[in-house]
Amino acid sequence: MIWNHFNLLLADTVTQPNPTAETVKMIGTMAVMGAALYFIMIRPQQKKAKEHQALLSSLKPGDKVVTSGGIVGVVISVKDKNVSIRSADSKFEVLKSAVTELSERGSETTESK
């Protein structure tokens, strides 16, 4: 019997959640998830794009590069959008954006040719 009265007392003290507080909690959760998405996915990609742009702007004749197609060659000349590279006995003209990696910087003697 005592438990029966105790349960009735507890039932009277239970209240409905505040809808405004629930909305604020939901918006806060979404903001935290958005910030996590930015710092985990978007920011590293932007950093990588900036590094790639810096690589492309610093290309000089004599630099040894690797293209996105896997061609390894030495830069002969650099134009606005294109780069001429020599690989073995072949000469290629590729887009600057196709250059993915700079293997080694050209020496001063190569640049003076």
PDB file of N, CA and C in Angstrom:
ATOM      1  N   MET A   1       0.794  -1.190   0.000  1.00  0.00           N
ATOM      2  CA  MET A   1       0.000   0.000   0.000  1.00  0.00           C
ATOM      3  C   MET A   1       0.842   1.262   0.000  1.00  0.00           C
ATOM      4  N   ILE A   2       1.865   1.220   0.789  1.00  0.00           N
ATOM      5  CA  ILE A   2       2.717   2.397   0.853  1.00  0.00           C
ATOM      6  C   ILE A   2       3.332   2.653  -0.517  1.00  0.00           C
ATOM      7  N   TRP A   3       3.722   1.593  -1.194  1.00  0.00           N
ATOM      8  CA  TRP A   3       4.321   1.759  -2.515  1.00  0.00           C
ATOM      9  C   TRP A   3       3.319   2.331  -3.502  1.00  0.00           C
ATOM     10  N   ASN A   4       2.117   1.999  -3.348  1.00  0.00           N
ATOM     11  CA  ASN A   4       1.081   2.509  -4.239  1.00  0.00           C
ATOM     12  C   ASN A   4       0.956   4.022  -4.100  1.00  0.00           C
ATOM     13  N   HIS A   5       0.991   4.534  -2.866  1.00  0.00           N
ATOM     14  CA  HIS A   5       0.927   5.974  -2.636  1.00  0.00           C
ATOM     15  C   HIS A   5       2.199   6.661  -3.126  1.00  0.00           C
ATOM     16  N   PHE A   6       3.331   5.975  -2.975  1.00  0.00           N
ATOM     17  CA  PHE A   6       4.615   6.529  -3.401  1.00  0.00           C
ATOM     18  C   PHE A   6       4.640   6.699  -4.926  1.00  0.00           C
ATOM     19  N   ASN A   7       4.142   5.703  -5.652  1.00  0.00           N
ATOM     20  CA  ASN A   7       4.082   5.780  -7.105  1.00  0.00           C
ATOM     21  C   ASN A   7       3.166   6.920  -7.559  1.00  0.00           C
ATOM     22  N   LEU A   8       2.097   7.159  -6.855  1.00  0.00           N
ATOM     23  CA  LEU A   8       1.204   8.268  -7.203  1.00  0.00           C
ATOM     24  C   LEU A   8       1.901   9.616  -6.995  1.00  0.00           C
ATOM     25  N   LEU A   9       2.713   9.713  -5.944  1.00  0.00           N
ATOM     26  CA  LEU A   9       3.449  10.941  -5.710  1.00  0.00           C
ATOM     27  C   LEU A   9       4.469  11.201  -6.821  1.00  0.00           C
ATOM     28  N   LEU A  10       5.149  10.140  -7.248  1.00  0.00           N
ATOM     29  CA  LEU A  10       6.119  10.287  -8.331  1.00  0.00           C
ATOM     30  C   LEU A  10       5.437  10.650  -9.637  1.00  0.00           C
ATOM     31  N   ALA A  11       4.299  10.084  -9.905  1.00  0.00           N
ATOM     32  CA  ALA A  11       3.579  10.357 -11.139  1.00  0.00           C
ATOM     33  C   ALA A  11       3.157  11.819 -11.212  1.00  0.00           C
ATOM     34  N   ASP A  12       2.871  12.438 -10.088  1.00  0.00           N
ATOM     35  CA  ASP A  12       2.479  13.843 -10.093  1.00  0.00           C
ATOM     36  C   ASP A  12       3.656  14.761 -10.363  1.00  0.00           C
ATOM     37  N   THR A  13       4.887  14.332 -10.044  1.00  0.00           N
ATOM     38  CA  THR A  13       6.046  15.207 -10.215  1.00  0.00           C
ATOM     39  C   THR A  13       6.645  15.127 -11.608  1.00  0.00           C
ATOM     40  N   VAL A  14       6.236  14.166 -12.420  1.00  0.00           N
ATOM     41  CA  VAL A  14       6.756  14.045 -13.779  1.00  0.00           C
ATOM     42  C   VAL A  14       6.144  15.150 -14.626  1.00  0.00           C
ATOM     43  N   THR A  15       7.028  15.899 -15.327  1.00  0.00           N
ATOM     44  CA  THR A  15       6.544  17.002 -16.166  1.00  0.00           C
ATOM     45  C   THR A  15       6.919  16.747 -17.616  1.00  0.00           C
ATOM     46  N   GLN A  16       6.304  17.445 -18.490  1.00  0.00           N
ATOM     47  CA  GLN A  16       6.600  17.357 -19.908  1.00  0.00           C
ATOM     48  C   GLN A  16       7.881  18.150 -20.203  1.00  0.00           C
ATOM     49  N   PRO A  17       8.709  17.690 -21.145  1.00  0.00           N
ATOM     50  CA  PRO A  17       9.924  18.436 -21.483  1.00  0.00           C
ATOM     51  C   PRO A  17       9.571  19.773 -22.143  1.00  0.00           C
ATOM     52  N   ASN A  18      10.411  20.732 -21.902  1.00  0.00           N
ATOM     53  CA  ASN A  18      10.227  22.064 -22.461  1.00  0.00           C
ATOM     54  C   ASN A  18      10.547  22.018 -23.958  1.00  0.00           C
ATOM     55  N   PRO A  19       9.605  22.365 -24.833  1.00  0.00           N
ATOM     56  CA  PRO A  19       9.865  22.273 -26.278  1.00  0.00           C
ATOM     57  C   PRO A  19      10.969  23.238 -26.735  1.00  0.00           C
ATOM     58  N   THR A  20      11.088  24.392 -26.107  1.00  0.00           N
ATOM     59  CA  THR A  20      12.132  25.337 -26.474  1.00  0.00           C
ATOM     60  C   THR A  20      13.511  24.760 -26.159  1.00  0.00           C
ATOM     61  N   ALA A  21      13.642  24.144 -25.014  1.00  0.00           N
ATOM     62  CA  ALA A  21      14.916  23.546 -24.630  1.00  0.00           C
ATOM     63  C   ALA A  21      15.287  22.397 -25.574  1.00  0.00           C
ATOM     64  N   GLU A  22      14.316  21.613 -25.981  1.00  0.00           N
ATOM     65  CA  GLU A  22      14.572  20.511 -26.908  1.00  0.00           C
ATOM     66  C   GLU A  22      15.035  21.045 -28.261  1.00  0.00           C
ATOM     67  N   THR A  23      14.451  22.146 -28.709  1.00  0.00           N
ATOM     68  CA  THR A  23      14.848  22.749 -29.979  1.00  0.00           C
ATOM     69  C   THR A  23      16.275  23.284 -29.894  1.00  0.00           C
ATOM     70  N   VAL A  24      16.607  23.943 -28.796  1.00  0.00           N
ATOM     71  CA  VAL A  24      17.955  24.472 -28.610  1.00  0.00           C
ATOM     72  C   VAL A  24      18.963  23.325 -28.555  1.00  0.00           C
ATOM     73  N   LYS A  25      18.602  22.238 -27.898  1.00  0.00           N
ATOM     74  CA  LYS A  25      19.493  21.078 -27.810  1.00  0.00           C
ATOM     75  C   LYS A  25      19.727  20.476 -29.196  1.00  0.00           C
ATOM     76  N   MET A  26      18.674  20.406 -30.012  1.00  0.00           N
ATOM     77  CA  MET A  26      18.795  19.855 -31.355  1.00  0.00           C
ATOM     78  C   MET A  26      19.674  20.756 -32.224  1.00  0.00           C
ATOM     79  N   ILE A  27      19.484  22.072 -32.137  1.00  0.00           N
ATOM     80  CA  ILE A  27      20.293  23.004 -32.923  1.00  0.00           C
ATOM     81  C   ILE A  27      21.754  22.946 -32.472  1.00  0.00           C
ATOM     82  N   GLY A  28      21.994  22.829 -31.180  1.00  0.00           N
ATOM     83  CA  GLY A  28      23.361  22.701 -30.663  1.00  0.00           C
ATOM     84  C   GLY A  28      24.044  21.446 -31.168  1.00  0.00           C
ATOM     85  N   THR A  29      23.304  20.351 -31.192  1.00  0.00           N
ATOM     86  CA  THR A  29      23.852  19.093 -31.698  1.00  0.00           C
ATOM     87  C   THR A  29      24.211  19.213 -33.174  1.00  0.00           C
ATOM     88  N   MET A  30      23.330  19.851 -33.950  1.00  0.00           N
ATOM     89  CA  MET A  30      23.598  20.040 -35.377  1.00  0.00           C
ATOM     90  C   MET A  30      24.822  20.928 -35.586  1.00  0.00           C
ATOM     91  N   ALA A  31      24.994  21.958 -34.758  1.00  0.00           N
ATOM     92  CA  ALA A  31      26.151  22.846 -34.874  1.00  0.00           C
ATOM     93  C   ALA A  31      27.438  22.096 -34.571  1.00  0.00           C
ATOM     94  N   VAL A  32      27.429  21.264 -33.541  1.00  0.00           N
ATOM     95  CA  VAL A  32      28.618  20.471 -33.204  1.00  0.00           C
ATOM     96  C   VAL A  32      28.945  19.494 -34.328  1.00  0.00           C
ATOM     97  N   MET A  33      27.940  18.869 -34.905  1.00  0.00           N
ATOM     98  CA  MET A  33      28.165  17.935 -36.016  1.00  0.00           C
ATOM     99  C   MET A  33      28.706  18.678 -37.239  1.00  0.00           C
ATOM    100  N   GLY A  34      28.188  19.871 -37.506  1.00  0.00           N
ATOM    101  CA  GLY A  34      28.680  20.666 -38.634  1.00  0.00           C
ATOM    102  C   GLY A  34      30.129  21.069 -38.443  1.00  0.00           C
ATOM    103  N   ALA A  35      30.486  21.474 -37.225  1.00  0.00           N
ATOM    104  CA  ALA A  35      31.869  21.843 -36.936  1.00  0.00           C
ATOM    105  C   ALA A  35      32.790  20.633 -37.081  1.00  0.00           C
ATOM    106  N   ALA A  36      32.358  19.482 -36.604  1.00  0.00           N
ATOM    107  CA  ALA A  36      33.159  18.264 -36.738  1.00  0.00           C
ATOM    108  C   ALA A  36      33.347  17.915 -38.214  1.00  0.00           C
ATOM    109  N   LEU A  37      32.302  18.028 -39.011  1.00  0.00           N
ATOM    110  CA  LEU A  37      32.388  17.764 -40.441  1.00  0.00           C
ATOM    111  C   LEU A  37      33.389  18.707 -41.105  1.00  0.00           C
ATOM    112  N   TYR A  38      33.352  19.978 -40.729  1.00  0.00           N
ATOM    113  CA  TYR A  38      34.272  20.956 -41.303  1.00  0.00           C
ATOM    114  C   TYR A  38      35.716  20.605 -40.967  1.00  0.00           C
ATOM    115  N   PHE A  39      36.007  20.330 -39.695  1.00  0.00           N
ATOM    116  CA  PHE A  39      37.385  20.086 -39.287  1.00  0.00           C
ATOM    117  C   PHE A  39      37.906  18.716 -39.709  1.00  0.00           C
ATOM    118  N   ILE A  40      37.024  17.758 -39.949  1.00  0.00           N
ATOM    119  CA  ILE A  40      37.469  16.423 -40.338  1.00  0.00           C
ATOM    120  C   ILE A  40      37.571  16.268 -41.850  1.00  0.00           C
ATOM    121  N   MET A  41      36.656  16.908 -42.598  1.00  0.00           N
ATOM    122  CA  MET A  41      36.618  16.672 -44.038  1.00  0.00           C
ATOM    123  C   MET A  41      36.970  17.886 -44.894  1.00  0.00           C
ATOM    124  N   ILE A  42      36.391  19.021 -44.627  1.00  0.00           N
ATOM    125  CA  ILE A  42      36.515  20.158 -45.535  1.00  0.00           C
ATOM    126  C   ILE A  42      37.855  20.872 -45.377  1.00  0.00           C
ATOM    127  N   ARG A  43      38.257  21.150 -44.171  1.00  0.00           N
ATOM    128  CA  ARG A  43      39.488  21.911 -43.936  1.00  0.00           C
ATOM    129  C   ARG A  43      40.732  21.194 -44.457  1.00  0.00           C
ATOM    130  N   PRO A  44      40.908  19.888 -44.221  1.00  0.00           N
ATOM    131  CA  PRO A  44      42.093  19.216 -44.785  1.00  0.00           C
ATOM    132  C   PRO A  44      42.115  19.244 -46.317  1.00  0.00           C
ATOM    133  N   GLN A  45      40.940  19.147 -46.944  1.00  0.00           N
ATOM    134  CA  GLN A  45      40.884  19.182 -48.401  1.00  0.00           C
ATOM    135  C   GLN A  45      41.282  20.559 -48.922  1.00  0.00           C
ATOM    136  N   GLN A  46      40.849  21.627 -48.251  1.00  0.00           N
ATOM    137  CA  GLN A  46      41.241  22.975 -48.647  1.00  0.00           C
ATOM    138  C   GLN A  46      42.747  23.173 -48.478  1.00  0.00           C
ATOM    139  N   LYS A  47      43.307  22.629 -47.412  1.00  0.00           N
ATOM    140  CA  LYS A  47      44.738  22.740 -47.162  1.00  0.00           C
ATOM    141  C   LYS A  47      45.527  22.023 -48.259  1.00  0.00           C
ATOM    142  N   LYS A  48      45.056  20.845 -48.641  1.00  0.00           N
ATOM    143  CA  LYS A  48      45.713  20.080 -49.688  1.00  0.00           C
ATOM    144  C   LYS A  48      45.635  20.820 -51.026  1.00  0.00           C
ATOM    145  N   ALA A  49      44.508  21.456 -51.313  1.00  0.00           N
ATOM    146  CA  ALA A  49      44.353  22.212 -52.557  1.00  0.00           C
ATOM    147  C   ALA A  49      45.300  23.414 -52.582  1.00  0.00           C
ATOM    148  N   LYS A  50      45.477  24.079 -51.448  1.00  0.00           N
ATOM    149  CA  LYS A  50      46.410  25.209 -51.379  1.00  0.00           C
ATOM    150  C   LYS A  50      47.843  24.746 -51.610  1.00  0.00           C
ATOM    151  N   GLU A  51      48.214  23.613 -51.019  1.00  0.00           N
ATOM    152  CA  GLU A  51      49.562  23.073 -51.209  1.00  0.00           C
ATOM    153  C   GLU A  51      49.797  22.704 -52.670  1.00  0.00           C
ATOM    154  N   HIS A  52      48.783  22.116 -53.321  1.00  0.00           N
ATOM    155  CA  HIS A  52      48.907  21.747 -54.731  1.00  0.00           C
ATOM    156  C   HIS A  52      49.050  22.995 -55.601  1.00  0.00           C
ATOM    157  N   GLN A  53      48.286  24.033 -55.289  1.00  0.00           N
ATOM    158  CA  GLN A  53      48.384  25.284 -56.040  1.00  0.00           C
ATOM    159  C   GLN A  53      49.770  25.908 -55.866  1.00  0.00           C
ATOM    160  N   ALA A  54      50.319  25.852 -54.652  1.00  0.00           N
ATOM    161  CA  ALA A  54      51.663  26.376 -54.406  1.00  0.00           C
ATOM    162  C   ALA A  54      52.701  25.569 -55.187  1.00  0.00           C
ATOM    163  N   LEU A  55      52.510  24.257 -55.272  1.00  0.00           N
ATOM    164  CA  LEU A  55      53.413  23.404 -56.039  1.00  0.00           C
ATOM    165  C   LEU A  55      53.388  23.809 -57.507  1.00  0.00           C
ATOM    166  N   LEU A  56      52.196  24.007 -58.059  1.00  0.00           N
ATOM    167  CA  LEU A  56      52.078  24.348 -59.471  1.00  0.00           C
ATOM    168  C   LEU A  56      52.670  25.716 -59.777  1.00  0.00           C
ATOM    169  N   SER A  57      52.512  26.651 -58.869  1.00  0.00           N
ATOM    170  CA  SER A  57      53.043  27.986 -59.122  1.00  0.00           C
ATOM    171  C   SER A  57      54.567  28.035 -58.964  1.00  0.00           C
ATOM    172  N   SER A  58      55.159  27.050 -58.299  1.00  0.00           N
ATOM    173  CA  SER A  58      56.614  27.059 -58.095  1.00  0.00           C
ATOM    174  C   SER A  58      57.354  26.161 -59.082  1.00  0.00           C
ATOM    175  N   LEU A  59      56.648  25.600 -60.066  1.00  0.00           N
ATOM    176  CA  LEU A  59      57.315  24.743 -61.051  1.00  0.00           C
ATOM    177  C   LEU A  59      58.297  25.549 -61.882  1.00  0.00           C
ATOM    178  N   LYS A  60      59.483  24.977 -62.122  1.00  0.00           N
ATOM    179  CA  LYS A  60      60.526  25.608 -62.921  1.00  0.00           C
ATOM    180  C   LYS A  60      61.138  24.563 -63.836  1.00  0.00           C
ATOM    181  N   PRO A  61      61.713  24.985 -64.937  1.00  0.00           N
ATOM    182  CA  PRO A  61      62.418  24.022 -65.787  1.00  0.00           C
ATOM    183  C   PRO A  61      63.525  23.321 -65.004  1.00  0.00           C
ATOM    184  N   GLY A  62      63.616  22.026 -65.224  1.00  0.00           N
ATOM    185  CA  GLY A  62      64.624  21.229 -64.530  1.00  0.00           C
ATOM    186  C   GLY A  62      64.059  20.438 -63.361  1.00  0.00           C
ATOM    187  N   ASP A  63      62.846  20.764 -62.913  1.00  0.00           N
ATOM    188  CA  ASP A  63      62.223  20.024 -61.810  1.00  0.00           C
ATOM    189  C   ASP A  63      61.777  18.647 -62.289  1.00  0.00           C
ATOM    190  N   LYS A  64      61.963  17.651 -61.461  1.00  0.00           N
ATOM    191  CA  LYS A  64      61.505  16.297 -61.772  1.00  0.00           C
ATOM    192  C   LYS A  64      60.123  16.126 -61.156  1.00  0.00           C
ATOM    193  N   VAL A  65      59.127  15.768 -61.996  1.00  0.00           N
ATOM    194  CA  VAL A  65      57.737  15.710 -61.548  1.00  0.00           C
ATOM    195  C   VAL A  65      57.108  14.366 -61.893  1.00  0.00           C
ATOM    196  N   VAL A  66      55.975  14.105 -61.237  1.00  0.00           N
ATOM    197  CA  VAL A  66      55.145  12.938 -61.520  1.00  0.00           C
ATOM    198  C   VAL A  66      53.751  13.459 -61.857  1.00  0.00           C
ATOM    199  N   THR A  67      53.177  12.962 -62.956  1.00  0.00           N
ATOM    200  CA  THR A  67      51.838  13.394 -63.348  1.00  0.00           C
ATOM    201  C   THR A  67      50.788  12.466 -62.755  1.00  0.00           C
ATOM    202  N   SER A  68      49.543  12.875 -62.883  1.00  0.00           N
ATOM    203  CA  SER A  68      48.453  12.043 -62.360  1.00  0.00           C
ATOM    204  C   SER A  68      48.329  10.731 -63.123  1.00  0.00           C
ATOM    205  N   GLY A  69      48.835  10.676 -64.353  1.00  0.00           N
ATOM    206  CA  GLY A  69      48.828   9.441 -65.136  1.00  0.00           C
ATOM    207  C   GLY A  69      49.994   8.537 -64.835  1.00  0.00           C
ATOM    208  N   GLY A  70      50.915   8.987 -63.973  1.00  0.00           N
ATOM    209  CA  GLY A  70      52.048   8.162 -63.577  1.00  0.00           C
ATOM    210  C   GLY A  70      53.301   8.401 -64.387  1.00  0.00           C
ATOM    211  N   ILE A  71      53.300   9.411 -65.240  1.00  0.00           N
ATOM    212  CA  ILE A  71      54.478   9.707 -66.043  1.00  0.00           C
ATOM    213  C   ILE A  71      55.477  10.483 -65.190  1.00  0.00           C
ATOM    214  N   VAL A  72      56.715  10.016 -65.185  1.00  0.00           N
ATOM    215  CA  VAL A  72      57.788  10.693 -64.460  1.00  0.00           C
ATOM    216  C   VAL A  72      58.648  11.387 -65.502  1.00  0.00           C
ATOM    217  N   GLY A  73      58.873  12.668 -65.302  1.00  0.00           N
ATOM    218  CA  GLY A  73      59.653  13.398 -66.281  1.00  0.00           C
ATOM    219  C   GLY A  73      60.278  14.648 -65.696  1.00  0.00           C
ATOM    220  N   VAL A  74      61.046  15.325 -66.541  1.00  0.00           N
ATOM    221  CA  VAL A  74      61.724  16.560 -66.153  1.00  0.00           C
ATOM    222  C   VAL A  74      61.041  17.706 -66.890  1.00  0.00           C
ATOM    223  N   VAL A  75      60.757  18.777 -66.169  1.00  0.00           N
ATOM    224  CA  VAL A  75      60.080  19.930 -66.760  1.00  0.00           C
ATOM    225  C   VAL A  75      61.034  20.640 -67.713  1.00  0.00           C
ATOM    226  N   ILE A  76      60.535  20.870 -68.937  1.00  0.00           N
ATOM    227  CA  ILE A  76      61.317  21.600 -69.932  1.00  0.00           C
ATOM    228  C   ILE A  76      60.922  23.067 -69.924  1.00  0.00           C
ATOM    229  N   SER A  77      59.608  23.316 -69.994  1.00  0.00           N
ATOM    230  CA  SER A  77      59.123  24.699 -69.981  1.00  0.00           C
ATOM    231  C   SER A  77      57.780  24.747 -69.270  1.00  0.00           C
ATOM    232  N   VAL A  78      57.484  25.927 -68.735  1.00  0.00           N
ATOM    233  CA  VAL A  78      56.240  26.138 -68.005  1.00  0.00           C
ATOM    234  C   VAL A  78      55.497  27.293 -68.666  1.00  0.00           C
ATOM    235  N   LYS A  79      54.232  27.047 -69.015  1.00  0.00           N
ATOM    236  CA  LYS A  79      53.382  28.088 -69.597  1.00  0.00           C
ATOM    237  C   LYS A  79      52.262  28.390 -68.619  1.00  0.00           C
ATOM    238  N   ASP A  80      51.278  29.166 -69.047  1.00  0.00           N
ATOM    239  CA  ASP A  80      50.164  29.526 -68.161  1.00  0.00           C
ATOM    240  C   ASP A  80      49.411  28.307 -67.663  1.00  0.00           C
ATOM    241  N   LYS A  81      48.963  27.458 -68.590  1.00  0.00           N
ATOM    242  CA  LYS A  81      48.161  26.294 -68.200  1.00  0.00           C
ATOM    243  C   LYS A  81      48.837  24.966 -68.509  1.00  0.00           C
ATOM    244  N   ASN A  82      49.906  24.996 -69.286  1.00  0.00           N
ATOM    245  CA  ASN A  82      50.561  23.766 -69.722  1.00  0.00           C
ATOM    246  C   ASN A  82      51.987  23.687 -69.210  1.00  0.00           C
ATOM    247  N   VAL A  83      52.484  22.456 -69.154  1.00  0.00           N
ATOM    248  CA  VAL A  83      53.871  22.190 -68.778  1.00  0.00           C
ATOM    249  C   VAL A  83      54.421  21.193 -69.792  1.00  0.00           C
ATOM    250  N   SER A  84      55.580  21.481 -70.340  1.00  0.00           N
ATOM    251  CA  SER A  84      56.253  20.532 -71.225  1.00  0.00           C
ATOM    252  C   SER A  84      57.229  19.728 -70.390  1.00  0.00           C
ATOM    253  N   ILE A  85      57.123  18.401 -70.490  1.00  0.00           N
ATOM    254  CA  ILE A  85      58.027  17.538 -69.736  1.00  0.00           C
ATOM    255  C   ILE A  85      58.703  16.558 -70.686  1.00  0.00           C
ATOM    256  N   ARG A  86      59.898  16.137 -70.312  1.00  0.00           N
ATOM    257  CA  ARG A  86      60.627  15.136 -71.079  1.00  0.00           C
ATOM    258  C   ARG A  86      60.741  13.893 -70.209  1.00  0.00           C
ATOM    259  N   SER A  87      60.318  12.760 -70.796  1.00  0.00           N
ATOM    260  CA  SER A  87      60.400  11.478 -70.117  1.00  0.00           C
ATOM    261  C   SER A  87      61.078  10.509 -71.079  1.00  0.00           C
ATOM    262  N   ALA A  88      62.252  10.061 -70.707  1.00  0.00           N
ATOM    263  CA  ALA A  88      63.083   9.205 -71.571  1.00  0.00           C
ATOM    264  C   ALA A  88      63.342   9.954 -72.875  1.00  0.00           C
ATOM    265  N   ASP A  89      62.922   9.405 -74.009  1.00  0.00           N
ATOM    266  CA  ASP A  89      63.142  10.066 -75.299  1.00  0.00           C
ATOM    267  C   ASP A  89      61.895  10.785 -75.798  1.00  0.00           C
ATOM    268  N   SER A  90      60.874  10.885 -74.982  1.00  0.00           N
ATOM    269  CA  SER A  90      59.612  11.498 -75.395  1.00  0.00           C
ATOM    270  C   SER A  90      59.419  12.844 -74.736  1.00  0.00           C
ATOM    271  N   LYS A  91      58.716  13.700 -75.464  1.00  0.00           N
ATOM    272  CA  LYS A  91      58.377  15.021 -74.936  1.00  0.00           C
ATOM    273  C   LYS A  91      56.857  15.104 -74.877  1.00  0.00           C
ATOM    274  N   PHE A  92      56.339  15.507 -73.707  1.00  0.00           N
ATOM    275  CA  PHE A  92      54.894  15.612 -73.509  1.00  0.00           C
ATOM    276  C   PHE A  92      54.536  17.030 -73.106  1.00  0.00           C
ATOM    277  N   GLU A  93      53.357  17.432 -73.511  1.00  0.00           N
ATOM    278  CA  GLU A  93      52.813  18.691 -73.011  1.00  0.00           C
ATOM    279  C   GLU A  93      51.542  18.324 -72.249  1.00  0.00           C
ATOM    280  N   VAL A  94      51.547  18.580 -70.948  1.00  0.00           N
ATOM    281  CA  VAL A  94      50.413  18.219 -70.093  1.00  0.00           C
ATOM    282  C   VAL A  94      49.898  19.466 -69.391  1.00  0.00           C
ATOM    283  N   LEU A  95      48.686  19.376 -68.894  1.00  0.00           N
ATOM    284  CA  LEU A  95      48.132  20.472 -68.107  1.00  0.00           C
ATOM    285  C   LEU A  95      48.883  20.585 -66.789  1.00  0.00           C
ATOM    286  N   LYS A  96      48.995  21.797 -66.295  1.00  0.00           N
ATOM    287  CA  LYS A  96      49.656  21.985 -64.999  1.00  0.00           C
ATOM    288  C   LYS A  96      48.943  21.204 -63.907  1.00  0.00           C
ATOM    289  N   SER A  97      47.624  21.143 -63.993  1.00  0.00           N
ATOM    290  CA  SER A  97      46.855  20.464 -62.951  1.00  0.00           C
ATOM    291  C   SER A  97      47.110  18.966 -62.925  1.00  0.00           C
ATOM    292  N   ALA A  98      47.688  18.405 -63.996  1.00  0.00           N
ATOM    293  CA  ALA A  98      48.002  16.975 -64.029  1.00  0.00           C
ATOM    294  C   ALA A  98      49.262  16.651 -63.242  1.00  0.00           C
ATOM    295  N   VAL A  99      50.054  17.654 -62.916  1.00  0.00           N
ATOM    296  CA  VAL A  99      51.262  17.425 -62.120  1.00  0.00           C
ATOM    297  C   VAL A  99      50.837  17.240 -60.668  1.00  0.00           C
ATOM    298  N   THR A 100      51.123  16.075 -60.102  1.00  0.00           N
ATOM    299  CA  THR A 100      50.670  15.773 -58.748  1.00  0.00           C
ATOM    300  C   THR A 100      51.779  15.810 -57.717  1.00  0.00           C
ATOM    301  N   GLU A 101      53.018  15.613 -58.150  1.00  0.00           N
ATOM    302  CA  GLU A 101      54.105  15.505 -57.170  1.00  0.00           C
ATOM    303  C   GLU A 101      55.393  16.055 -57.757  1.00  0.00           C
ATOM    304  N   LEU A 102      56.158  16.690 -56.925  1.00  0.00           N
ATOM    305  CA  LEU A 102      57.471  17.190 -57.303  1.00  0.00           C
ATOM    306  C   LEU A 102      58.497  16.269 -56.654  1.00  0.00           C
ATOM    307  N   SER A 103      59.184  15.462 -57.479  1.00  0.00           N
ATOM    308  CA  SER A 103      60.143  14.491 -56.945  1.00  0.00           C
ATOM    309  C   SER A 103      61.386  15.172 -56.418  1.00  0.00           C
ATOM    310  N   GLU A 104      61.946  16.064 -57.223  1.00  0.00           N
ATOM    311  CA  GLU A 104      63.135  16.790 -56.781  1.00  0.00           C
ATOM    312  C   GLU A 104      63.238  18.087 -57.566  1.00  0.00           C
ATOM    313  N   ARG A 105      63.826  19.066 -56.915  1.00  0.00           N
ATOM    314  CA  ARG A 105      64.037  20.366 -57.548  1.00  0.00           C
ATOM    315  C   ARG A 105      65.184  20.260 -58.540  1.00  0.00           C
ATOM    316  N   GLY A 106      65.062  21.024 -59.625  1.00  0.00           N
ATOM    317  CA  GLY A 106      66.128  21.048 -60.615  1.00  0.00           C
ATOM    318  C   GLY A 106      67.343  21.769 -60.069  1.00  0.00           C
ATOM    319  N   SER A 107      68.504  21.371 -60.523  1.00  0.00           N
ATOM    320  CA  SER A 107      69.732  22.021 -60.070  1.00  0.00           C
ATOM    321  C   SER A 107      69.906  23.344 -60.795  1.00  0.00           C
ATOM    322  N   GLU A 108      70.785  24.158 -60.281  1.00  0.00           N
ATOM    323  CA  GLU A 108      71.023  25.487 -60.868  1.00  0.00           C
ATOM    324  C   GLU A 108      71.576  25.366 -62.284  1.00  0.00           C
ATOM    325  N   THR A 109      72.381  24.323 -62.559  1.00  0.00           N
ATOM    326  CA  THR A 109      72.963  24.171 -63.911  1.00  0.00           C
ATOM    327  C   THR A 109      71.891  23.818 -64.915  1.00  0.00           C
ATOM    328  N   THR A 110      70.876  23.058 -64.521  1.00  0.00           N
ATOM    329  CA  THR A 110      69.804  22.688 -65.433  1.00  0.00           C
ATOM    330  C   THR A 110      68.948  23.894 -65.769  1.00  0.00           C
ATOM    331  N   GLU A 111      68.727  24.773 -64.817  1.00  0.00           N
ATOM    332  CA  GLU A 111      67.880  25.933 -65.035  1.00  0.00           C
ATOM    333  C   GLU A 111      68.544  26.937 -65.966  1.00  0.00           C
ATOM    334  N   SER A 112      69.854  27.002 -66.015  1.00  0.00           N
ATOM    335  CA  SER A 112      70.540  28.004 -66.818  1.00  0.00           C
ATOM    336  C   SER A 112      70.623  27.631 -68.300  1.00  0.00           C
ATOM    337  N   LYS A 113      70.195  26.431 -68.688  1.00  0.00           N
ATOM    338  CA  LYS A 113      70.225  26.014 -70.099  1.00  0.00           C
ATOM    339  C   LYS A 113      69.252  26.783 -70.928  1.00  0.00           C
TER     340      LYS A 113
END
